[in-house]
């Protein structure tokens, strides 16, 4: 339980978390960057950023499909 509390107190900003999640969606990450992120990112921020990223991805796909089907 102590490890979880320490992990949620990490200092990386939410913007840095969004950036890491964005690059992770593409699968383009250096191993050194991944290890750095694993030490600095707040797991709660990662979950929130992942949900936001998934919603943006779904909305983008819907817009593309509506644009193609609508023509």
PDB file of N, CA and C in Angstrom:
ATOM      1  N   UNK A   1       0.831  -1.195   0.000  1.00  0.00           N
ATOM      2  CA  UNK A   1       0.000   0.000   0.000  1.00  0.00           C
ATOM      3  C   UNK A   1       0.872   1.254   0.000  1.00  0.00           C
ATOM      4  N   UNK A   2       2.011   1.179   0.658  1.00  0.00           N
ATOM      5  CA  UNK A   2       2.931   2.313   0.711  1.00  0.00           C
ATOM      6  C   UNK A   2       3.485   2.644  -0.671  1.00  0.00           C
ATOM      7  N   UNK A   3       3.735   1.608  -1.493  1.00  0.00           N
ATOM      8  CA  UNK A   3       4.257   1.810  -2.838  1.00  0.00           C
ATOM      9  C   UNK A   3       3.257   2.561  -3.706  1.00  0.00           C
ATOM     10  N   UNK A   4       1.977   2.234  -3.566  1.00  0.00           N
ATOM     11  CA  UNK A   4       0.938   2.913  -4.339  1.00  0.00           C
ATOM     12  C   UNK A   4       0.863   4.387  -3.959  1.00  0.00           C
ATOM     13  N   UNK A   5       0.961   4.676  -2.678  1.00  0.00           N
ATOM     14  CA  UNK A   5       0.915   6.064  -2.223  1.00  0.00           C
ATOM     15  C   UNK A   5       2.116   6.838  -2.764  1.00  0.00           C
ATOM     16  N   UNK A   6       3.290   6.215  -2.750  1.00  0.00           N
ATOM     17  CA  UNK A   6       4.484   6.868  -3.285  1.00  0.00           C
ATOM     18  C   UNK A   6       4.343   7.106  -4.785  1.00  0.00           C
ATOM     19  N   UNK A   7       3.751   6.140  -5.493  1.00  0.00           N
ATOM     20  CA  UNK A   7       3.596   6.261  -6.946  1.00  0.00           C
ATOM     21  C   UNK A   7       2.666   7.408  -7.311  1.00  0.00           C
ATOM     22  N   UNK A   8       1.620   7.623  -6.520  1.00  0.00           N
ATOM     23  CA  UNK A   8       0.672   8.693  -6.830  1.00  0.00           C
ATOM     24  C   UNK A   8       1.206  10.077  -6.457  1.00  0.00           C
ATOM     25  N   UNK A   9       2.338  10.119  -5.778  1.00  0.00           N
ATOM     26  CA  UNK A   9       2.941  11.397  -5.398  1.00  0.00           C
ATOM     27  C   UNK A   9       4.051  11.813  -6.358  1.00  0.00           C
ATOM     28  N   UNK A  10       4.202  11.126  -7.468  1.00  0.00           N
ATOM     29  CA  UNK A  10       5.249  11.452  -8.438  1.00  0.00           C
ATOM     30  C   UNK A  10       4.998  12.827  -9.031  1.00  0.00           C
ATOM     31  N   UNK A  11       6.071  13.480  -9.439  1.00  0.00           N
ATOM     32  CA  UNK A  11       6.022  14.896  -9.774  1.00  0.00           C
ATOM     33  C   UNK A  11       5.774  15.236 -11.243  1.00  0.00           C
ATOM     34  N   UNK A  12       5.711  14.273 -12.147  1.00  0.00           N
ATOM     35  CA  UNK A  12       5.516  14.595 -13.562  1.00  0.00           C
ATOM     36  C   UNK A  12       4.173  15.287 -13.767  1.00  0.00           C
ATOM     37  N   UNK A  13       4.164  16.270 -14.651  1.00  0.00           N
ATOM     38  CA  UNK A  13       2.937  17.026 -14.896  1.00  0.00           C
ATOM     39  C   UNK A  13       1.953  16.204 -15.725  1.00  0.00           C
ATOM     40  N   UNK A  14       0.706  16.649 -15.733  1.00  0.00           N
ATOM     41  CA  UNK A  14      -0.309  15.965 -16.526  1.00  0.00           C
ATOM     42  C   UNK A  14      -0.006  16.116 -18.010  1.00  0.00           C
ATOM     43  N   UNK A  15       0.559  17.238 -18.401  1.00  0.00           N
ATOM     44  CA  UNK A  15       0.952  17.447 -19.802  1.00  0.00           C
ATOM     45  C   UNK A  15       2.007  16.441 -20.239  1.00  0.00           C
ATOM     46  N   UNK A  16       2.977  16.183 -19.374  1.00  0.00           N
ATOM     47  CA  UNK A  16       4.008  15.184 -19.686  1.00  0.00           C
ATOM     48  C   UNK A  16       3.379  13.798 -19.795  1.00  0.00           C
ATOM     49  N   UNK A  17       2.388  13.538 -18.966  1.00  0.00           N
ATOM     50  CA  UNK A  17       1.692  12.257 -19.031  1.00  0.00           C
ATOM     51  C   UNK A  17       0.925  12.131 -20.331  1.00  0.00           C
ATOM     52  N   UNK A  18       0.240  13.196 -20.751  1.00  0.00           N
ATOM     53  CA  UNK A  18      -0.500  13.170 -22.019  1.00  0.00           C
ATOM     54  C   UNK A  18       0.454  12.932 -23.190  1.00  0.00           C
ATOM     55  N   UNK A  19       1.610  13.564 -23.146  1.00  0.00           N
ATOM     56  CA  UNK A  19       2.605  13.382 -24.204  1.00  0.00           C
ATOM     57  C   UNK A  19       3.068  11.926 -24.265  1.00  0.00           C
ATOM     58  N   UNK A  20       3.353  11.337 -23.117  1.00  0.00           N
ATOM     59  CA  UNK A  20       3.796   9.944 -23.073  1.00  0.00           C
ATOM     60  C   UNK A  20       2.714   9.001 -23.578  1.00  0.00           C
ATOM     61  N   UNK A  21       1.470   9.258 -23.201  1.00  0.00           N
ATOM     62  CA  UNK A  21       0.363   8.415 -23.654  1.00  0.00           C
ATOM     63  C   UNK A  21       0.148   8.594 -25.153  1.00  0.00           C
ATOM     64  N   UNK A  22       0.267   9.819 -25.650  1.00  0.00           N
ATOM     65  CA  UNK A  22       0.119  10.080 -27.077  1.00  0.00           C
ATOM     66  C   UNK A  22       1.115   9.260 -27.883  1.00  0.00           C
ATOM     67  N   UNK A  23       2.387   9.302 -27.484  1.00  0.00           N
ATOM     68  CA  UNK A  23       3.403   8.535 -28.203  1.00  0.00           C
ATOM     69  C   UNK A  23       3.196   7.038 -28.026  1.00  0.00           C
ATOM     70  N   UNK A  24       2.671   6.636 -26.910  1.00  0.00           N
ATOM     71  CA  UNK A  24       2.408   5.218 -26.679  1.00  0.00           C
ATOM     72  C   UNK A  24       1.304   4.693 -27.589  1.00  0.00           C
ATOM     73  N   UNK A  25       0.342   5.544 -27.946  1.00  0.00           N
ATOM     74  CA  UNK A  25      -0.711   5.133 -28.870  1.00  0.00           C
ATOM     75  C   UNK A  25      -0.117   4.754 -30.223  1.00  0.00           C
ATOM     76  N   UNK A  26       0.959   5.421 -30.605  1.00  0.00           N
ATOM     77  CA  UNK A  26       1.620   5.117 -31.863  1.00  0.00           C
ATOM     78  C   UNK A  26       2.663   4.012 -31.725  1.00  0.00           C
ATOM     79  N   UNK A  27       3.014   3.676 -30.503  1.00  0.00           N
ATOM     80  CA  UNK A  27       4.021   2.637 -30.280  1.00  0.00           C
ATOM     81  C   UNK A  27       5.430   3.119 -30.551  1.00  0.00           C
ATOM     82  N   UNK A  28       5.611   4.431 -30.512  1.00  0.00           N
ATOM     83  CA  UNK A  28       6.925   5.014 -30.789  1.00  0.00           C
ATOM     84  C   UNK A  28       7.496   5.552 -29.481  1.00  0.00           C
ATOM     85  N   UNK A  29       8.278   4.731 -28.817  1.00  0.00           N
ATOM     86  CA  UNK A  29       8.906   5.152 -27.564  1.00  0.00           C
ATOM     87  C   UNK A  29      10.298   4.567 -27.493  1.00  0.00           C
ATOM     88  N   UNK A  30      11.238   5.372 -27.111  1.00  0.00           N
ATOM     89  CA  UNK A  30      12.580   4.856 -26.841  1.00  0.00           C
ATOM     90  C   UNK A  30      12.542   4.131 -25.507  1.00  0.00           C
ATOM     91  N   UNK A  31      13.375   3.130 -25.380  1.00  0.00           N
ATOM     92  CA  UNK A  31      13.408   2.389 -24.127  1.00  0.00           C
ATOM     93  C   UNK A  31      13.810   3.310 -22.972  1.00  0.00           C
ATOM     94  N   UNK A  32      14.747   4.209 -23.227  1.00  0.00           N
ATOM     95  CA  UNK A  32      15.180   5.127 -22.164  1.00  0.00           C
ATOM     96  C   UNK A  32      14.041   6.055 -21.741  1.00  0.00           C
ATOM     97  N   UNK A  33      13.248   6.518 -22.720  1.00  0.00           N
ATOM     98  CA  UNK A  33      12.107   7.370 -22.392  1.00  0.00           C
ATOM     99  C   UNK A  33      11.058   6.595 -21.602  1.00  0.00           C
ATOM    100  N   UNK A  34      10.837   5.345 -22.000  1.00  0.00           N
ATOM    101  CA  UNK A  34       9.869   4.505 -21.290  1.00  0.00           C
ATOM    102  C   UNK A  34      10.294   4.318 -19.831  1.00  0.00           C
ATOM    103  N   UNK A  35      11.559   4.024 -19.619  1.00  0.00           N
ATOM    104  CA  UNK A  35      12.048   3.817 -18.249  1.00  0.00           C
ATOM    105  C   UNK A  35      11.954   5.096 -17.430  1.00  0.00           C
ATOM    106  N   UNK A  36      12.255   6.221 -18.061  1.00  0.00           N
ATOM    107  CA  UNK A  36      12.149   7.517 -17.377  1.00  0.00           C
ATOM    108  C   UNK A  36      10.689   7.784 -16.997  1.00  0.00           C
ATOM    109  N   UNK A  37       9.770   7.529 -17.941  1.00  0.00           N
ATOM    110  CA  UNK A  37       8.350   7.739 -17.669  1.00  0.00           C
ATOM    111  C   UNK A  37       7.852   6.819 -16.561  1.00  0.00           C
ATOM    112  N   UNK A  38       8.311   5.578 -16.557  1.00  0.00           N
ATOM    113  CA  UNK A  38       7.875   4.618 -15.549  1.00  0.00           C
ATOM    114  C   UNK A  38       8.265   5.073 -14.145  1.00  0.00           C
ATOM    115  N   UNK A  39       9.333   5.825 -14.042  1.00  0.00           N
ATOM    116  CA  UNK A  39       9.781   6.307 -12.735  1.00  0.00           C
ATOM    117  C   UNK A  39       9.118   7.616 -12.327  1.00  0.00           C
ATOM    118  N   UNK A  40       8.675   8.416 -13.313  1.00  0.00           N
ATOM    119  CA  UNK A  40       8.203   9.761 -12.994  1.00  0.00           C
ATOM    120  C   UNK A  40       6.701   9.962 -13.103  1.00  0.00           C
ATOM    121  N   UNK A  41       6.018   9.193 -13.946  1.00  0.00           N
ATOM    122  CA  UNK A  41       4.605   9.457 -14.182  1.00  0.00           C
ATOM    123  C   UNK A  41       3.718   8.931 -13.056  1.00  0.00           C
ATOM    124  N   UNK A  42       2.706   9.693 -12.765  1.00  0.00           N
ATOM    125  CA  UNK A  42       1.716   9.324 -11.758  1.00  0.00           C
ATOM    126  C   UNK A  42       0.737   8.336 -12.402  1.00  0.00           C
ATOM    127  N   UNK A  43       0.555   7.145 -11.833  1.00  0.00           N
ATOM    128  CA  UNK A  43      -0.330   6.147 -12.442  1.00  0.00           C
ATOM    129  C   UNK A  43      -1.775   6.624 -12.614  1.00  0.00           C
ATOM    130  N   UNK A  44      -2.248   7.452 -11.719  1.00  0.00           N
ATOM    131  CA  UNK A  44      -3.614   7.984 -11.836  1.00  0.00           C
ATOM    132  C   UNK A  44      -3.701   8.882 -13.076  1.00  0.00           C
ATOM    133  N   UNK A  45      -2.682   9.700 -13.291  1.00  0.00           N
ATOM    134  CA  UNK A  45      -2.645  10.550 -14.477  1.00  0.00           C
ATOM    135  C   UNK A  45      -2.586   9.707 -15.748  1.00  0.00           C
ATOM    136  N   UNK A  46      -1.855   8.598 -15.713  1.00  0.00           N
ATOM    137  CA  UNK A  46      -1.741   7.724 -16.887  1.00  0.00           C
ATOM    138  C   UNK A  46      -3.103   7.140 -17.245  1.00  0.00           C
ATOM    139  N   UNK A  47      -3.860   6.714 -16.258  1.00  0.00           N
ATOM    140  CA  UNK A  47      -5.188   6.151 -16.510  1.00  0.00           C
ATOM    141  C   UNK A  47      -6.108   7.212 -17.102  1.00  0.00           C
ATOM    142  N   UNK A  48      -6.108   8.397 -16.517  1.00  0.00           N
ATOM    143  CA  UNK A  48      -6.963   9.485 -17.011  1.00  0.00           C
ATOM    144  C   UNK A  48      -6.554   9.878 -18.426  1.00  0.00           C
ATOM    145  N   UNK A  49      -5.259  10.008 -18.663  1.00  0.00           N
ATOM    146  CA  UNK A  49      -4.761  10.372 -19.992  1.00  0.00           C
ATOM    147  C   UNK A  49      -5.095   9.283 -21.011  1.00  0.00           C
ATOM    148  N   UNK A  50      -5.030   8.027 -20.609  1.00  0.00           N
ATOM    149  CA  UNK A  50      -5.378   6.928 -21.505  1.00  0.00           C
ATOM    150  C   UNK A  50      -6.842   6.967 -21.907  1.00  0.00           C
ATOM    151  N   UNK A  51      -7.710   7.251 -20.964  1.00  0.00           N
ATOM    152  CA  UNK A  51      -9.150   7.353 -21.264  1.00  0.00           C
ATOM    153  C   UNK A  51      -9.401   8.542 -22.189  1.00  0.00           C
ATOM    154  N   UNK A  52      -8.785   9.675 -21.914  1.00  0.00           N
ATOM    155  CA  UNK A  52      -8.942  10.855 -22.775  1.00  0.00           C
ATOM    156  C   UNK A  52      -8.417  10.554 -24.179  1.00  0.00           C
ATOM    157  N   UNK A  53      -7.246   9.920 -24.255  1.00  0.00           N
ATOM    158  CA  UNK A  53      -6.676   9.556 -25.555  1.00  0.00           C
ATOM    159  C   UNK A  53      -7.574   8.616 -26.334  1.00  0.00           C
ATOM    160  N   UNK A  54      -8.161   7.643 -25.650  1.00  0.00           N
ATOM    161  CA  UNK A  54      -9.068   6.699 -26.315  1.00  0.00           C
ATOM    162  C   UNK A  54     -10.310   7.413 -26.829  1.00  0.00           C
ATOM    163  N   UNK A  55     -10.852   8.346 -26.047  1.00  0.00           N
ATOM    164  CA  UNK A  55     -12.032   9.102 -26.485  1.00  0.00           C
ATOM    165  C   UNK A  55     -11.722   9.971 -27.707  1.00  0.00           C
ATOM    166  N   UNK A  56     -10.547  10.601 -27.701  1.00  0.00           N
ATOM    167  CA  UNK A  56     -10.140  11.410 -28.851  1.00  0.00           C
ATOM    168  C   UNK A  56      -9.965  10.516 -30.085  1.00  0.00           C
ATOM    169  N   UNK A  57      -9.372   9.357 -29.903  1.00  0.00           N
ATOM    170  CA  UNK A  57      -9.163   8.408 -31.000  1.00  0.00           C
ATOM    171  C   UNK A  57     -10.495   7.960 -31.590  1.00  0.00           C
ATOM    172  N   UNK A  58     -11.442   7.612 -30.736  1.00  0.00           N
ATOM    173  CA  UNK A  58     -12.770   7.176 -31.194  1.00  0.00           C
ATOM    174  C   UNK A  58     -13.488   8.316 -31.919  1.00  0.00           C
ATOM    175  N   UNK A  59     -13.433   9.526 -31.361  1.00  0.00           N
ATOM    176  CA  UNK A  59     -14.082  10.673 -32.000  1.00  0.00           C
ATOM    177  C   UNK A  59     -13.474  10.949 -33.375  1.00  0.00           C
ATOM    178  N   UNK A  60     -12.159  10.828 -33.481  1.00  0.00           N
ATOM    179  CA  UNK A  60     -11.486  11.029 -34.765  1.00  0.00           C
ATOM    180  C   UNK A  60     -11.932   9.987 -35.781  1.00  0.00           C
ATOM    181  N   UNK A  61     -11.995   8.741 -35.361  1.00  0.00           N
ATOM    182  CA  UNK A  61     -12.456   7.684 -36.264  1.00  0.00           C
ATOM    183  C   UNK A  61     -13.897   7.926 -36.717  1.00  0.00           C
ATOM    184  N   UNK A  62     -14.748   8.337 -35.806  1.00  0.00           N
ATOM    185  CA  UNK A  62     -16.143   8.626 -36.166  1.00  0.00           C
ATOM    186  C   UNK A  62     -16.245   9.762 -37.169  1.00  0.00           C
ATOM    187  N   UNK A  63     -15.443  10.804 -36.982  1.00  0.00           N
ATOM    188  CA  UNK A  63     -15.452  11.927 -37.919  1.00  0.00           C
ATOM    189  C   UNK A  63     -14.977  11.483 -39.305  1.00  0.00           C
ATOM    190  N   UNK A  64     -13.949  10.674 -39.346  1.00  0.00           N
ATOM    191  CA  UNK A  64     -13.447  10.169 -40.640  1.00  0.00           C
ATOM    192  C   UNK A  64     -14.503   9.311 -41.324  1.00  0.00           C
ATOM    193  N   UNK A  65     -15.129   8.411 -40.583  1.00  0.00           N
ATOM    194  CA  UNK A  65     -16.151   7.533 -41.167  1.00  0.00           C
ATOM    195  C   UNK A  65     -17.335   8.354 -41.676  1.00  0.00           C
ATOM    196  N   UNK A  66     -17.806   9.316 -40.884  1.00  0.00           N
ATOM    197  CA  UNK A  66     -18.938  10.143 -41.318  1.00  0.00           C
ATOM    198  C   UNK A  66     -18.579  10.957 -42.550  1.00  0.00           C
ATOM    199  N   UNK A  67     -17.340  11.431 -42.611  1.00  0.00           N
ATOM    200  CA  UNK A  67     -16.909  12.197 -43.761  1.00  0.00           C
ATOM    201  C   UNK A  67     -16.866  11.349 -45.026  1.00  0.00           C
ATOM    202  N   UNK A  68     -16.371  10.136 -44.919  1.00  0.00           N
ATOM    203  CA  UNK A  68     -16.265   9.243 -46.079  1.00  0.00           C
ATOM    204  C   UNK A  68     -17.642   8.726 -46.502  1.00  0.00           C
ATOM    205  N   UNK A  69     -18.460   8.331 -45.561  1.00  0.00           N
ATOM    206  CA  UNK A  69     -19.776   7.783 -45.868  1.00  0.00           C
ATOM    207  C   UNK A  69     -20.707   8.880 -46.373  1.00  0.00           C
ATOM    208  N   UNK A  70     -20.541  10.077 -45.905  1.00  0.00           N
ATOM    209  CA  UNK A  70     -21.416  11.181 -46.278  1.00  0.00           C
ATOM    210  C   UNK A  70     -21.242  11.639 -47.718  1.00  0.00           C
ATOM    211  N   UNK A  71     -20.163  11.262 -48.355  1.00  0.00           N
ATOM    212  CA  UNK A  71     -19.910  11.726 -49.730  1.00  0.00           C
ATOM    213  C   UNK A  71     -20.576  10.860 -50.735  1.00  0.00           C
TER     214      UNK A  71
END
